[in-house]
N, C-alpha and C. Protein backbone atom coordinates (compact mmCIF):
# COMPACT_ATOMS: atom_id res chain seq x y z
N MET A 1 -90.70 93.24 -50.38
CA MET A 1 -89.47 92.98 -51.17
C MET A 1 -89.44 93.91 -52.31
N LYS A 2 -88.31 94.38 -52.58
CA LYS A 2 -87.99 95.26 -53.69
C LYS A 2 -86.97 94.56 -54.58
N THR A 3 -87.09 94.56 -55.91
CA THR A 3 -86.20 93.94 -56.83
C THR A 3 -85.76 94.97 -57.83
N ILE A 4 -84.42 95.01 -58.10
CA ILE A 4 -83.80 95.94 -58.94
C ILE A 4 -82.87 95.19 -59.95
N GLU A 5 -82.98 95.61 -61.19
CA GLU A 5 -82.00 94.90 -62.05
C GLU A 5 -80.90 95.89 -62.36
N SER A 6 -79.70 95.49 -62.17
CA SER A 6 -78.45 96.21 -62.40
C SER A 6 -77.65 95.60 -63.55
N LYS A 7 -77.53 96.38 -64.59
CA LYS A 7 -76.97 95.96 -65.87
C LYS A 7 -75.38 96.00 -65.88
N ASN A 8 -74.82 96.66 -64.84
CA ASN A 8 -73.37 96.81 -64.78
C ASN A 8 -72.90 97.18 -63.34
N SER A 9 -71.61 97.16 -63.13
CA SER A 9 -71.05 97.44 -61.82
C SER A 9 -71.41 98.92 -61.35
N GLU A 10 -71.35 99.80 -62.35
CA GLU A 10 -71.69 101.21 -62.00
C GLU A 10 -73.12 101.36 -61.47
N GLN A 11 -74.01 100.70 -62.03
CA GLN A 11 -75.42 100.73 -61.41
C GLN A 11 -75.46 100.15 -60.06
N THR A 12 -74.75 99.06 -59.78
CA THR A 12 -74.66 98.44 -58.51
C THR A 12 -73.96 99.39 -57.50
N LEU A 13 -72.98 100.07 -57.87
CA LEU A 13 -72.26 101.00 -57.07
C LEU A 13 -73.34 102.15 -56.71
N HIS A 14 -73.99 102.62 -57.70
CA HIS A 14 -74.94 103.74 -57.44
C HIS A 14 -76.03 103.37 -56.47
N LEU A 15 -76.54 102.15 -56.56
CA LEU A 15 -77.51 101.65 -55.71
C LEU A 15 -77.06 101.66 -54.30
N GLY A 16 -75.85 101.18 -54.08
CA GLY A 16 -75.17 101.19 -52.75
C GLY A 16 -75.14 102.58 -52.18
N GLU A 17 -74.66 103.48 -53.06
CA GLU A 17 -74.41 104.90 -52.60
C GLU A 17 -75.80 105.50 -52.25
N HIS A 18 -76.85 105.28 -53.03
CA HIS A 18 -78.06 105.74 -52.76
C HIS A 18 -78.65 105.31 -51.38
N MET A 19 -78.39 103.92 -51.19
CA MET A 19 -78.86 103.37 -49.87
C MET A 19 -78.08 104.01 -48.67
N GLY A 20 -76.77 104.25 -48.86
CA GLY A 20 -75.99 104.82 -47.84
C GLY A 20 -76.39 106.21 -47.49
N LYS A 21 -76.75 107.02 -48.55
CA LYS A 21 -77.15 108.33 -48.32
C LYS A 21 -78.57 108.33 -47.53
N LYS A 22 -79.42 107.43 -47.89
CA LYS A 22 -80.69 107.38 -47.24
C LYS A 22 -80.63 106.93 -45.81
N ILE A 23 -79.67 106.07 -45.52
CA ILE A 23 -79.38 105.67 -44.11
C ILE A 23 -79.00 106.94 -43.30
N LEU A 24 -78.09 107.77 -43.83
CA LEU A 24 -77.75 109.02 -43.24
C LEU A 24 -78.85 109.93 -43.00
N GLU A 25 -79.76 110.03 -43.91
CA GLU A 25 -80.91 110.90 -43.81
C GLU A 25 -81.92 110.38 -42.76
N GLU A 26 -82.16 109.10 -42.81
CA GLU A 26 -83.30 108.56 -42.19
C GLU A 26 -83.03 107.86 -40.72
N ILE A 27 -81.80 107.37 -40.67
CA ILE A 27 -81.50 106.62 -39.45
C ILE A 27 -80.23 107.13 -38.85
N SER A 28 -80.33 107.42 -37.47
CA SER A 28 -79.16 107.97 -36.75
C SER A 28 -78.70 107.01 -35.81
N GLN A 29 -78.85 105.77 -36.07
CA GLN A 29 -78.38 104.65 -35.28
C GLN A 29 -77.98 103.45 -36.09
N GLY A 30 -77.40 102.44 -35.44
CA GLY A 30 -76.96 101.33 -36.14
C GLY A 30 -77.88 100.55 -36.93
N VAL A 31 -77.43 99.85 -37.93
CA VAL A 31 -78.44 99.01 -38.80
C VAL A 31 -77.45 97.83 -39.18
N SER A 32 -78.15 96.74 -39.50
CA SER A 32 -77.47 95.50 -39.94
C SER A 32 -77.94 95.14 -41.30
N ILE A 33 -76.99 94.75 -42.23
CA ILE A 33 -77.51 94.32 -43.59
C ILE A 33 -76.69 93.16 -43.90
N ALA A 34 -77.41 92.15 -44.39
CA ALA A 34 -76.91 90.90 -44.93
C ALA A 34 -76.77 90.81 -46.45
N LEU A 35 -75.60 90.48 -47.01
CA LEU A 35 -75.47 90.43 -48.41
C LEU A 35 -75.17 89.03 -48.92
N ASN A 36 -76.13 88.48 -49.61
CA ASN A 36 -76.08 87.09 -50.09
C ASN A 36 -75.85 87.01 -51.64
N GLY A 37 -74.98 86.20 -52.06
CA GLY A 37 -74.75 85.99 -53.53
C GLY A 37 -73.41 85.26 -53.75
N GLU A 38 -73.31 84.64 -54.92
CA GLU A 38 -72.06 83.91 -55.29
C GLU A 38 -70.95 84.97 -55.43
N LEU A 39 -69.72 84.38 -55.63
CA LEU A 39 -68.60 85.14 -55.92
C LEU A 39 -68.77 85.96 -57.21
N GLY A 40 -68.43 87.16 -57.14
CA GLY A 40 -68.59 88.16 -58.32
C GLY A 40 -69.89 88.71 -58.52
N ALA A 41 -70.83 88.39 -57.66
CA ALA A 41 -72.26 88.90 -57.86
C ALA A 41 -72.44 90.40 -57.61
N GLY A 42 -71.51 91.07 -57.03
CA GLY A 42 -71.64 92.52 -56.72
C GLY A 42 -71.71 92.98 -55.33
N LYS A 43 -71.46 92.14 -54.39
CA LYS A 43 -71.60 92.43 -52.96
C LYS A 43 -70.64 93.51 -52.59
N THR A 44 -69.35 93.33 -52.91
CA THR A 44 -68.33 94.22 -52.53
C THR A 44 -68.55 95.60 -53.29
N THR A 45 -68.90 95.51 -54.51
CA THR A 45 -69.19 96.71 -55.32
C THR A 45 -70.39 97.53 -54.70
N PHE A 46 -71.27 96.81 -54.21
CA PHE A 46 -72.43 97.52 -53.52
C PHE A 46 -71.90 98.21 -52.26
N VAL A 47 -70.99 97.54 -51.51
CA VAL A 47 -70.42 98.10 -50.24
C VAL A 47 -69.60 99.29 -50.65
N GLN A 48 -68.87 99.32 -51.62
CA GLN A 48 -68.11 100.53 -52.03
C GLN A 48 -68.99 101.64 -52.38
N GLY A 49 -70.10 101.48 -53.01
CA GLY A 49 -70.99 102.62 -53.14
C GLY A 49 -71.68 103.05 -51.83
N PHE A 50 -71.95 101.99 -51.08
CA PHE A 50 -72.63 102.24 -49.78
C PHE A 50 -71.80 103.06 -48.89
N ALA A 51 -70.51 102.80 -48.87
CA ALA A 51 -69.51 103.51 -48.05
C ALA A 51 -69.48 104.99 -48.46
N LYS A 52 -69.47 105.15 -49.80
CA LYS A 52 -69.40 106.54 -50.39
C LYS A 52 -70.71 107.36 -49.95
N GLY A 53 -71.79 106.66 -50.02
CA GLY A 53 -73.08 107.30 -49.57
C GLY A 53 -73.08 107.60 -48.14
N LEU A 54 -72.48 106.89 -47.26
CA LEU A 54 -72.32 107.15 -45.89
C LEU A 54 -71.39 108.28 -45.62
N GLY A 55 -70.56 108.64 -46.52
CA GLY A 55 -69.58 109.62 -46.33
C GLY A 55 -68.22 109.15 -45.95
N VAL A 56 -67.96 107.98 -46.05
CA VAL A 56 -66.62 107.37 -45.79
C VAL A 56 -65.59 108.04 -46.67
N SER A 57 -64.49 108.55 -46.15
CA SER A 57 -63.52 109.22 -46.89
C SER A 57 -63.04 108.33 -48.00
N GLU A 58 -62.65 109.07 -49.22
CA GLU A 58 -62.26 108.40 -50.40
C GLU A 58 -60.80 107.92 -50.15
N LYS A 59 -60.14 108.34 -49.06
CA LYS A 59 -58.78 107.79 -48.78
C LYS A 59 -58.83 106.38 -48.43
N TYR A 60 -60.01 105.84 -48.08
CA TYR A 60 -60.08 104.35 -47.69
C TYR A 60 -60.50 103.68 -49.05
N TYR A 61 -59.78 102.66 -49.30
CA TYR A 61 -60.18 101.82 -50.44
C TYR A 61 -60.89 100.70 -49.87
N ILE A 62 -62.22 100.59 -50.33
CA ILE A 62 -63.08 99.49 -49.82
C ILE A 62 -62.89 98.27 -50.51
N THR A 63 -62.43 97.20 -49.80
CA THR A 63 -62.25 95.89 -50.36
C THR A 63 -62.96 94.87 -49.53
N SER A 64 -63.08 93.71 -50.10
CA SER A 64 -63.75 92.64 -49.28
C SER A 64 -62.81 92.20 -48.18
N PRO A 65 -63.33 92.09 -46.94
CA PRO A 65 -62.34 91.73 -45.83
C PRO A 65 -62.24 90.17 -45.78
N THR A 66 -62.01 89.53 -46.85
CA THR A 66 -61.88 88.08 -46.93
C THR A 66 -60.96 87.53 -45.89
N TYR A 67 -59.70 88.12 -45.76
CA TYR A 67 -58.81 87.63 -44.83
C TYR A 67 -58.63 88.38 -43.54
N ASN A 68 -59.10 89.65 -43.49
CA ASN A 68 -59.26 90.41 -42.27
C ASN A 68 -60.45 90.04 -41.50
N ILE A 69 -61.51 89.61 -42.13
CA ILE A 69 -62.78 89.24 -41.59
C ILE A 69 -63.63 90.55 -41.36
N ILE A 70 -63.01 91.58 -40.76
CA ILE A 70 -63.76 92.88 -40.52
C ILE A 70 -62.81 94.01 -41.01
N ASN A 71 -63.38 94.94 -41.74
CA ASN A 71 -62.86 96.20 -42.01
C ASN A 71 -63.79 97.24 -41.52
N GLU A 72 -63.17 98.22 -40.72
CA GLU A 72 -63.93 99.35 -40.22
C GLU A 72 -63.60 100.60 -40.78
N TYR A 73 -64.60 101.37 -41.10
CA TYR A 73 -64.43 102.76 -41.72
C TYR A 73 -65.21 103.80 -40.95
N PRO A 74 -64.61 104.95 -40.55
CA PRO A 74 -65.33 105.99 -39.92
C PRO A 74 -66.26 106.67 -41.05
N ALA A 75 -67.56 106.76 -40.58
CA ALA A 75 -68.61 107.41 -41.43
C ALA A 75 -69.39 108.50 -40.51
N GLY A 76 -68.65 109.56 -40.28
CA GLY A 76 -69.25 110.65 -39.38
C GLY A 76 -69.37 110.12 -38.02
N VAL A 77 -70.49 110.18 -37.40
CA VAL A 77 -70.67 109.70 -35.97
C VAL A 77 -70.82 108.15 -35.85
N LEU A 78 -70.98 107.57 -37.07
CA LEU A 78 -71.13 106.07 -37.09
C LEU A 78 -69.88 105.49 -37.66
N THR A 79 -69.79 104.06 -37.43
CA THR A 79 -68.69 103.36 -38.06
C THR A 79 -69.28 102.29 -38.98
N LEU A 80 -68.82 102.22 -40.22
CA LEU A 80 -69.22 101.19 -41.12
C LEU A 80 -68.26 99.94 -40.84
N CYS A 81 -68.92 98.94 -40.57
CA CYS A 81 -68.22 97.48 -40.31
C CYS A 81 -68.56 96.64 -41.43
N HIS A 82 -67.57 96.39 -42.29
CA HIS A 82 -67.79 95.47 -43.40
C HIS A 82 -67.19 94.11 -43.06
N LEU A 83 -67.99 93.09 -42.98
CA LEU A 83 -67.59 91.81 -42.52
C LEU A 83 -67.68 90.78 -43.74
N ASP A 84 -66.72 89.84 -43.81
CA ASP A 84 -66.84 88.71 -44.65
C ASP A 84 -66.72 87.57 -43.80
N LEU A 85 -67.72 86.72 -43.59
CA LEU A 85 -67.68 85.60 -42.70
C LEU A 85 -67.52 84.29 -43.45
N TYR A 86 -67.13 84.30 -44.65
CA TYR A 86 -66.95 83.09 -45.49
C TYR A 86 -66.00 82.05 -44.87
N ARG A 87 -64.91 82.58 -44.19
CA ARG A 87 -64.01 81.65 -43.69
C ARG A 87 -64.25 81.23 -42.26
N LEU A 88 -65.27 81.71 -41.57
CA LEU A 88 -65.47 81.22 -40.25
C LEU A 88 -66.19 79.88 -40.37
N GLU A 89 -65.83 78.90 -39.44
CA GLU A 89 -66.29 77.59 -39.47
C GLU A 89 -67.26 77.30 -38.35
N SER A 90 -67.22 78.06 -37.27
CA SER A 90 -68.17 77.76 -36.18
C SER A 90 -68.63 79.15 -35.61
N VAL A 91 -69.75 79.05 -34.93
CA VAL A 91 -70.32 80.23 -34.25
C VAL A 91 -69.41 80.72 -33.16
N ASP A 92 -68.60 79.81 -32.58
CA ASP A 92 -67.63 80.19 -31.58
C ASP A 92 -66.71 81.26 -32.00
N GLU A 93 -66.37 81.30 -33.32
CA GLU A 93 -65.40 82.12 -33.86
C GLU A 93 -65.97 83.64 -33.81
N LEU A 94 -67.32 83.80 -33.83
CA LEU A 94 -67.87 85.13 -33.70
C LEU A 94 -67.48 85.87 -32.48
N GLU A 95 -67.30 85.16 -31.35
CA GLU A 95 -66.73 85.82 -30.13
C GLU A 95 -65.24 86.18 -30.34
N THR A 96 -64.51 85.32 -30.95
CA THR A 96 -63.08 85.63 -31.23
C THR A 96 -62.95 86.85 -32.02
N ILE A 97 -63.75 87.18 -33.02
CA ILE A 97 -63.55 88.28 -33.81
C ILE A 97 -64.28 89.47 -33.19
N GLY A 98 -64.87 89.37 -31.99
CA GLY A 98 -65.57 90.50 -31.33
C GLY A 98 -66.79 90.98 -31.98
N PHE A 99 -67.63 90.05 -32.56
CA PHE A 99 -68.90 90.43 -33.21
C PHE A 99 -69.84 91.10 -32.24
N ASP A 100 -69.90 90.64 -31.07
CA ASP A 100 -70.88 91.25 -30.11
C ASP A 100 -70.57 92.68 -29.85
N ASP A 101 -69.33 93.10 -29.89
CA ASP A 101 -68.84 94.48 -29.65
C ASP A 101 -69.51 95.39 -30.81
N LEU A 102 -69.76 94.88 -31.93
CA LEU A 102 -70.33 95.74 -33.01
C LEU A 102 -71.81 95.99 -33.05
N ILE A 103 -72.50 95.31 -32.21
CA ILE A 103 -73.98 95.38 -32.09
C ILE A 103 -74.30 96.54 -31.16
N ASP A 104 -74.40 97.72 -31.73
CA ASP A 104 -74.88 98.93 -30.92
C ASP A 104 -75.44 99.93 -31.94
N ASP A 105 -75.76 101.07 -31.34
CA ASP A 105 -76.24 102.15 -32.20
C ASP A 105 -75.24 102.92 -32.94
N THR A 106 -73.94 102.60 -32.79
CA THR A 106 -72.94 103.42 -33.47
C THR A 106 -72.32 102.72 -34.59
N HIS A 107 -72.76 101.47 -34.87
CA HIS A 107 -72.15 100.70 -35.98
C HIS A 107 -73.20 100.37 -37.05
N ILE A 108 -72.84 100.45 -38.26
CA ILE A 108 -73.62 99.91 -39.35
C ILE A 108 -72.83 98.69 -39.82
N ILE A 109 -73.46 97.58 -39.67
CA ILE A 109 -72.84 96.29 -40.01
C ILE A 109 -73.31 95.78 -41.36
N VAL A 110 -72.44 95.56 -42.29
CA VAL A 110 -72.73 94.97 -43.55
C VAL A 110 -71.97 93.66 -43.69
N VAL A 111 -72.66 92.56 -43.92
CA VAL A 111 -72.04 91.16 -43.72
C VAL A 111 -72.17 90.44 -45.06
N GLU A 112 -71.04 90.08 -45.61
CA GLU A 112 -70.96 89.24 -46.78
C GLU A 112 -70.91 87.79 -46.28
N TRP A 113 -71.55 86.84 -46.81
CA TRP A 113 -71.56 85.41 -46.39
C TRP A 113 -72.06 85.40 -45.01
N PRO A 114 -73.36 85.77 -44.68
CA PRO A 114 -73.96 85.80 -43.36
C PRO A 114 -74.53 84.60 -42.80
N GLU A 115 -74.32 83.49 -43.48
CA GLU A 115 -74.94 82.28 -43.07
C GLU A 115 -74.65 81.87 -41.60
N ILE A 116 -73.51 81.99 -41.12
CA ILE A 116 -73.15 81.58 -39.78
C ILE A 116 -73.87 82.51 -38.72
N LEU A 117 -74.33 83.66 -39.03
CA LEU A 117 -75.11 84.48 -38.11
C LEU A 117 -76.54 84.02 -38.19
N LYS A 118 -76.97 83.49 -39.17
CA LYS A 118 -78.37 82.87 -39.26
C LYS A 118 -78.48 81.71 -38.42
N ARG A 119 -77.37 80.94 -38.24
CA ARG A 119 -77.41 79.79 -37.32
C ARG A 119 -77.73 80.21 -35.95
N ILE A 120 -77.38 81.41 -35.49
CA ILE A 120 -77.62 81.78 -34.14
C ILE A 120 -78.79 82.78 -34.07
N SER A 121 -79.65 82.71 -35.13
CA SER A 121 -80.87 83.49 -35.30
C SER A 121 -80.66 84.97 -35.20
N PHE A 122 -79.55 85.49 -35.65
CA PHE A 122 -79.32 86.92 -35.71
C PHE A 122 -80.33 87.45 -36.71
N LYS A 123 -80.90 88.55 -36.37
CA LYS A 123 -81.87 89.21 -37.27
C LYS A 123 -81.25 90.38 -37.93
N PHE A 124 -81.22 90.40 -39.19
CA PHE A 124 -80.70 91.63 -39.99
C PHE A 124 -81.90 92.51 -40.19
N ASP A 125 -81.63 93.80 -40.27
CA ASP A 125 -82.62 94.86 -40.50
C ASP A 125 -82.97 94.68 -42.05
N ILE A 126 -81.94 94.50 -42.92
CA ILE A 126 -82.07 94.37 -44.28
C ILE A 126 -81.35 93.27 -44.77
N GLU A 127 -81.86 92.50 -45.72
CA GLU A 127 -81.15 91.43 -46.37
C GLU A 127 -81.27 91.62 -47.88
N ILE A 128 -80.03 91.64 -48.53
CA ILE A 128 -79.97 91.83 -49.95
C ILE A 128 -79.34 90.54 -50.68
N ASN A 129 -80.19 90.09 -51.68
CA ASN A 129 -79.65 88.92 -52.45
C ASN A 129 -79.29 89.44 -53.84
N PHE A 130 -78.06 88.92 -54.29
CA PHE A 130 -77.54 89.20 -55.60
C PHE A 130 -77.52 87.95 -56.38
N LYS A 131 -78.20 87.97 -57.57
CA LYS A 131 -78.15 86.85 -58.48
C LYS A 131 -78.00 87.39 -59.94
N PHE A 132 -77.55 86.48 -60.83
CA PHE A 132 -77.46 86.82 -62.21
C PHE A 132 -78.66 86.27 -62.95
N ASP A 133 -79.12 86.95 -63.94
CA ASP A 133 -80.11 86.44 -64.87
C ASP A 133 -79.39 85.84 -66.11
N LYS A 134 -80.15 85.33 -67.01
CA LYS A 134 -79.50 84.64 -68.14
C LYS A 134 -78.61 85.51 -69.06
N HIS A 135 -78.84 86.93 -68.88
CA HIS A 135 -78.06 87.88 -69.63
C HIS A 135 -76.91 88.37 -68.77
N TYR A 136 -76.66 87.87 -67.60
CA TYR A 136 -75.68 88.29 -66.62
C TYR A 136 -75.83 89.73 -66.12
N ASN A 137 -77.11 90.10 -66.11
CA ASN A 137 -77.44 91.26 -65.29
C ASN A 137 -77.59 90.88 -63.83
N ARG A 138 -77.37 91.71 -62.93
CA ARG A 138 -77.53 91.46 -61.54
C ARG A 138 -79.03 91.66 -61.27
N ILE A 139 -79.64 90.73 -60.58
CA ILE A 139 -80.91 90.84 -60.11
C ILE A 139 -80.75 90.94 -58.59
N ILE A 140 -81.05 92.24 -58.02
CA ILE A 140 -80.80 92.50 -56.59
C ILE A 140 -82.15 92.59 -55.86
N SER A 141 -82.32 91.65 -54.95
CA SER A 141 -83.65 91.66 -54.13
C SER A 141 -83.33 92.08 -52.83
N VAL A 142 -84.25 93.00 -52.30
CA VAL A 142 -84.06 93.59 -51.01
C VAL A 142 -85.26 93.17 -50.09
N PHE A 143 -84.93 92.65 -48.93
CA PHE A 143 -85.90 92.13 -48.01
C PHE A 143 -85.60 92.85 -46.66
N THR A 144 -86.68 93.11 -45.86
CA THR A 144 -86.55 93.72 -44.60
C THR A 144 -87.07 92.79 -43.49
N SER A 145 -86.62 93.13 -42.27
CA SER A 145 -87.05 92.51 -41.06
C SER A 145 -87.16 93.59 -39.99
N GLY A 146 -88.41 93.76 -39.55
CA GLY A 146 -88.62 94.80 -38.54
C GLY A 146 -88.91 96.14 -39.20
N GLN A 147 -89.45 97.12 -38.33
CA GLN A 147 -89.78 98.42 -38.75
C GLN A 147 -88.66 99.32 -39.27
N PRO A 148 -87.52 99.33 -38.60
CA PRO A 148 -86.58 100.29 -39.12
C PRO A 148 -86.06 99.91 -40.60
N GLY A 149 -85.88 98.67 -40.93
CA GLY A 149 -85.51 98.27 -42.22
C GLY A 149 -86.61 98.52 -43.18
N SER A 150 -87.92 98.28 -42.81
CA SER A 150 -89.02 98.41 -43.77
C SER A 150 -89.15 100.01 -44.01
N ASN A 151 -89.00 100.81 -43.01
CA ASN A 151 -89.09 102.22 -43.21
C ASN A 151 -87.96 102.75 -44.18
N LEU A 152 -86.82 102.25 -43.87
CA LEU A 152 -85.73 102.72 -44.78
C LEU A 152 -85.86 102.30 -46.20
N ILE A 153 -86.29 101.00 -46.45
CA ILE A 153 -86.39 100.55 -47.83
C ILE A 153 -87.57 101.32 -48.49
N SER A 154 -88.66 101.51 -47.77
CA SER A 154 -89.78 102.24 -48.36
C SER A 154 -89.40 103.68 -48.83
N LYS A 155 -88.52 104.30 -48.05
CA LYS A 155 -88.05 105.63 -48.46
C LYS A 155 -86.91 105.64 -49.47
N THR A 156 -86.19 104.52 -49.48
CA THR A 156 -85.12 104.47 -50.49
C THR A 156 -85.66 104.32 -51.89
N PHE A 157 -86.74 103.50 -52.01
CA PHE A 157 -87.17 103.23 -53.36
C PHE A 157 -88.63 103.81 -53.61
N LEU A 158 -88.76 105.05 -53.19
CA LEU A 158 -89.97 105.74 -53.64
C LEU A 158 -90.00 106.15 -55.00
């Protein structure tokens, strides 16, 4: 586990951008990332930086897909899929949104509110938790599952 303190949105954005760049350098295939945290904790800000690091064109404005459920952005040979699963009520709805179609080597999946996927034992390569400390700094904890996630995180935070 790696823990980072972010004192403002700009630092959270920069962390996301740094991770996006490292993924481009280190991994040429799909990866899945879970983002956990309360409203306003910095999840979407992180994804905005992450998209920039992956090379997503600035013509795309990265927003939380709260009502769309999935936003897709071209990132070179990969596609960034930003999901917000807060509004899903059952695992059956995952089929309706085409989640299985996103699980391959060409998609980078970043999921806000991933609890419904945990119910079906979906394994994320990386899990990031966002919390506030008593001074309202973001405490960002990064966990990995499996070798690809571990390799990426160890190279990201050298």
